[in-house]
Amino acid sequence: MFTKKYFQDRTILFLNLAIILGAVINIVATVLRVNTSQAVAIIRYQVSLGLAGFQRADIIQLYSFALMALVIAITAVLISAKIYHRRRILSVLILSLSLIALFFNLIVSGAILNLQ
C-alpha cells in the first residue's frame, strides 16, 4: 500500500506531516482542556428555553473530539496511500480536505470546551 514513490512526493509528505501534527494538536488541546473535576459539562445553550436551556453531557463525551481527530488522520493517510498510485491529485485533495476537517474539529472543540 505505501509505495516508495508515495513518501518521495514532497507535497504528499508535507500534507501527511501536517495532518499528523494537526491530529496531535487536537488530541493534546482536547485532553488538556477537559475539566475532569466536574461530573457533567455544558455543551450547548438554547436561548428559547431560557435558564433551563443548558444542555449537558458527560466528560467522556468530550473526549470524542480527540478520538475524531485520530480517526480523521488515520483514515486520510490510509485512503490517500491507497489512491496515490492511481490518481495523485485525488490523494492530495483527500489530504487537504482532511486537514481542513482537523482545523474545524479544533475550532468546534475549543468553543464547546470553553463553555465548560
C-alpha atoms as a PDB file:
ATOM      1  CA  MET A   1       0.000   0.000   0.000  1.00  0.00           C
ATOM      2  CA  PHE A   2       2.692   2.538   0.966  1.00  0.00           C
ATOM      3  CA  THR A   3       4.932   2.669  -2.064  1.00  0.00           C
ATOM      4  CA  LYS A   4       8.339   4.299  -2.187  1.00  0.00           C
ATOM      5  CA  LYS A   5       7.029   6.991  -4.541  1.00  0.00           C
ATOM      6  CA  TYR A   6       4.350   7.917  -2.001  1.00  0.00           C
ATOM      7  CA  PHE A   7       6.941   9.025   0.542  1.00  0.00           C
ATOM      8  CA  GLN A   8       9.175  10.686  -2.042  1.00  0.00           C
ATOM      9  CA  ASP A   9       6.453  13.083  -3.184  1.00  0.00           C
ATOM     10  CA  ARG A  10       7.082  16.342  -1.308  1.00  0.00           C
ATOM     11  CA  THR A  11       3.504  17.573  -1.405  1.00  0.00           C
ATOM     12  CA  ILE A  12       2.122  14.304  -0.075  1.00  0.00           C
ATOM     13  CA  LEU A  13       4.800  14.112   2.595  1.00  0.00           C
ATOM     14  CA  PHE A  14       4.137  17.693   3.716  1.00  0.00           C
ATOM     15  CA  LEU A  15       0.373  17.082   3.898  1.00  0.00           C
ATOM     16  CA  ASN A  16       0.876  13.832   5.824  1.00  0.00           C
ATOM     17  CA  LEU A  17       3.099  15.601   8.344  1.00  0.00           C
ATOM     18  CA  ALA A  18       0.609  18.476   8.635  1.00  0.00           C
ATOM     19  CA  ILE A  19      -2.227  16.025   9.263  1.00  0.00           C
ATOM     20  CA  ILE A  20      -0.269  14.163  11.918  1.00  0.00           C
ATOM     21  CA  LEU A  21       0.690  17.448  13.583  1.00  0.00           C
ATOM     22  CA  GLY A  22      -2.917  18.661  13.402  1.00  0.00           C
ATOM     23  CA  ALA A  23      -4.180  15.450  14.980  1.00  0.00           C
ATOM     24  CA  VAL A  24      -1.631  15.671  17.786  1.00  0.00           C
ATOM     25  CA  ILE A  25      -2.557  19.313  18.442  1.00  0.00           C
ATOM     26  CA  ASN A  26      -6.258  18.373  18.507  1.00  0.00           C
ATOM     27  CA  ILE A  27      -5.674  15.498  20.927  1.00  0.00           C
ATOM     28  CA  VAL A  28      -3.441  17.478  23.274  1.00  0.00           C
ATOM     29  CA  ALA A  29      -5.740  20.522  23.249  1.00  0.00           C
ATOM     30  CA  THR A  30      -8.773  18.379  23.995  1.00  0.00           C
ATOM     31  CA  VAL A  31      -7.154  16.363  26.763  1.00  0.00           C
ATOM     32  CA  LEU A  32      -5.705  19.439  28.465  1.00  0.00           C
ATOM     33  CA  ARG A  33      -8.919  21.493  28.280  1.00  0.00           C
ATOM     34  CA  VAL A  34     -11.356  18.900  29.630  1.00  0.00           C
ATOM     35  CA  ASN A  35     -12.166  19.688  33.244  1.00  0.00           C
ATOM     36  CA  THR A  36     -12.468  16.310  34.950  1.00  0.00           C
ATOM     37  CA  SER A  37     -13.387  17.800  38.334  1.00  0.00           C
ATOM     38  CA  GLN A  38     -16.991  18.272  37.194  1.00  0.00           C
ATOM     39  CA  ALA A  39     -19.359  15.365  36.623  1.00  0.00           C
ATOM     40  CA  VAL A  40     -21.084  16.984  33.633  1.00  0.00           C
ATOM     41  CA  ALA A  41     -20.168  19.649  31.117  1.00  0.00           C
ATOM     42  CA  ILE A  42     -22.271  22.255  29.321  1.00  0.00           C
ATOM     43  CA  ILE A  43     -22.167  21.593  25.595  1.00  0.00           C
ATOM     44  CA  ARG A  44     -24.910  23.857  24.256  1.00  0.00           C
ATOM     45  CA  TYR A  45     -27.219  26.684  25.232  1.00  0.00           C
ATOM     46  CA  GLN A  46     -30.665  27.128  23.695  1.00  0.00           C
ATOM     47  CA  VAL A  47     -31.902  30.686  24.028  1.00  0.00           C
ATOM     48  CA  SER A  48     -35.556  29.736  23.592  1.00  0.00           C
ATOM     49  CA  LEU A  49     -35.524  27.681  26.811  1.00  0.00           C
ATOM     50  CA  GLY A  50     -34.182  30.484  28.985  1.00  0.00           C
ATOM     51  CA  LEU A  51     -32.273  29.441  32.083  1.00  0.00           C
ATOM     52  CA  ALA A  52     -33.139  25.784  31.508  1.00  0.00           C
ATOM     53  CA  GLY A  53     -31.518  25.875  28.073  1.00  0.00           C
ATOM     54  CA  PHE A  54     -28.146  24.472  29.096  1.00  0.00           C
ATOM     55  CA  GLN A  55     -27.592  21.072  27.500  1.00  0.00           C
ATOM     56  CA  ARG A  56     -25.224  18.874  29.458  1.00  0.00           C
ATOM     57  CA  ALA A  57     -23.033  15.900  28.570  1.00  0.00           C
ATOM     58  CA  ASP A  58     -20.695  13.525  30.343  1.00  0.00           C
ATOM     59  CA  ILE A  59     -16.997  14.265  30.469  1.00  0.00           C
ATOM     60  CA  ILE A  60     -16.294  11.121  28.464  1.00  0.00           C
ATOM     61  CA  GLN A  61     -18.284  12.509  25.536  1.00  0.00           C
ATOM     62  CA  LEU A  62     -15.924  15.480  25.336  1.00  0.00           C
ATOM     63  CA  TYR A  63     -13.046  13.133  24.596  1.00  0.00           C
ATOM     64  CA  SER A  64     -14.812  12.203  21.371  1.00  0.00           C
ATOM     65  CA  PHE A  65     -13.191  15.260  19.761  1.00  0.00           C
ATOM     66  CA  ALA A  66      -9.763  13.710  20.325  1.00  0.00           C
ATOM     67  CA  LEU A  67     -10.981  10.369  19.033  1.00  0.00           C
ATOM     68  CA  MET A  68     -12.435  12.023  15.936  1.00  0.00           C
ATOM     69  CA  ALA A  69      -9.122  13.758  15.207  1.00  0.00           C
ATOM     70  CA  LEU A  70      -7.366  10.400  15.409  1.00  0.00           C
ATOM     71  CA  VAL A  71      -9.919   8.753  13.115  1.00  0.00           C
ATOM     72  CA  ILE A  72      -9.680  11.580  10.565  1.00  0.00           C
ATOM     73  CA  ALA A  73      -5.878  11.407  10.489  1.00  0.00           C
ATOM     74  CA  ILE A  74      -5.625   7.631  10.156  1.00  0.00           C
ATOM     75  CA  THR A  75      -8.374   7.408   7.560  1.00  0.00           C
ATOM     76  CA  ALA A  76      -6.950  10.226   5.449  1.00  0.00           C
ATOM     77  CA  VAL A  77      -3.451   8.769   5.352  1.00  0.00           C
ATOM     78  CA  LEU A  78      -4.658   5.257   4.535  1.00  0.00           C
ATOM     79  CA  ILE A  79      -7.093   6.332   1.817  1.00  0.00           C
ATOM     80  CA  SER A  80      -4.605   8.698   0.203  1.00  0.00           C
ATOM     81  CA  ALA A  81      -1.926   5.999   0.171  1.00  0.00           C
ATOM     82  CA  LYS A  82      -4.314   3.557  -1.436  1.00  0.00           C
ATOM     83  CA  ILE A  83      -5.441   6.018  -4.115  1.00  0.00           C
ATOM     84  CA  TYR A  84      -1.999   7.560  -4.778  1.00  0.00           C
ATOM     85  CA  HIS A  85      -0.809   5.135  -7.443  1.00  0.00           C
ATOM     86  CA  ARG A  86      -3.988   5.732  -9.498  1.00  0.00           C
ATOM     87  CA  ARG A  87      -4.559   9.465  -9.067  1.00  0.00           C
ATOM     88  CA  ARG A  88      -2.119  11.724  -7.291  1.00  0.00           C
ATOM     89  CA  ILE A  89      -4.380  14.772  -7.415  1.00  0.00           C
ATOM     90  CA  LEU A  90      -7.192  12.926  -5.665  1.00  0.00           C
ATOM     91  CA  SER A  91      -4.769  11.853  -2.970  1.00  0.00           C
ATOM     92  CA  VAL A  92      -3.699  15.473  -2.438  1.00  0.00           C
ATOM     93  CA  LEU A  93      -7.358  16.534  -2.335  1.00  0.00           C
ATOM     94  CA  ILE A  94      -8.178  13.942   0.338  1.00  0.00           C
ATOM     95  CA  LEU A  95      -5.271  15.048   2.488  1.00  0.00           C
ATOM     96  CA  SER A  96      -6.124  18.730   2.057  1.00  0.00           C
ATOM     97  CA  LEU A  97      -9.771  18.254   2.981  1.00  0.00           C
ATOM     98  CA  SER A  98      -8.771  16.178   5.986  1.00  0.00           C
ATOM     99  CA  LEU A  99      -6.515  18.987   7.142  1.00  0.00           C
ATOM    100  CA  ILE A 100      -9.455  21.380   6.891  1.00  0.00           C
ATOM    101  CA  ALA A 101     -11.620  18.910   8.847  1.00  0.00           C
ATOM    102  CA  LEU A 102      -8.995  18.760  11.598  1.00  0.00           C
ATOM    103  CA  PHE A 103      -8.916  22.550  11.725  1.00  0.00           C
ATOM    104  CA  PHE A 104     -12.704  22.728  12.113  1.00  0.00           C
ATOM    105  CA  ASN A 105     -12.565  19.997  14.758  1.00  0.00           C
ATOM    106  CA  LEU A 106     -10.114  22.142  16.721  1.00  0.00           C
ATOM    107  CA  ILE A 107     -12.359  25.217  16.440  1.00  0.00           C
ATOM    108  CA  VAL A 108     -15.540  23.399  17.486  1.00  0.00           C
ATOM    109  CA  SER A 109     -13.892  21.549  20.350  1.00  0.00           C
ATOM    110  CA  GLY A 110     -12.387  24.801  21.587  1.00  0.00           C
ATOM    111  CA  ALA A 111     -15.756  26.526  21.505  1.00  0.00           C
ATOM    112  CA  ILE A 112     -17.501  23.717  23.362  1.00  0.00           C
ATOM    113  CA  LEU A 113     -14.733  23.231  25.895  1.00  0.00           C
ATOM    114  CA  ASN A 114     -14.762  26.956  26.695  1.00  0.00           C
ATOM    115  CA  LEU A 115     -18.372  26.555  27.850  1.00  0.00           C
ATOM    116  CA  GLN A 116     -17.298  24.040  30.446  1.00  0.00           C
END
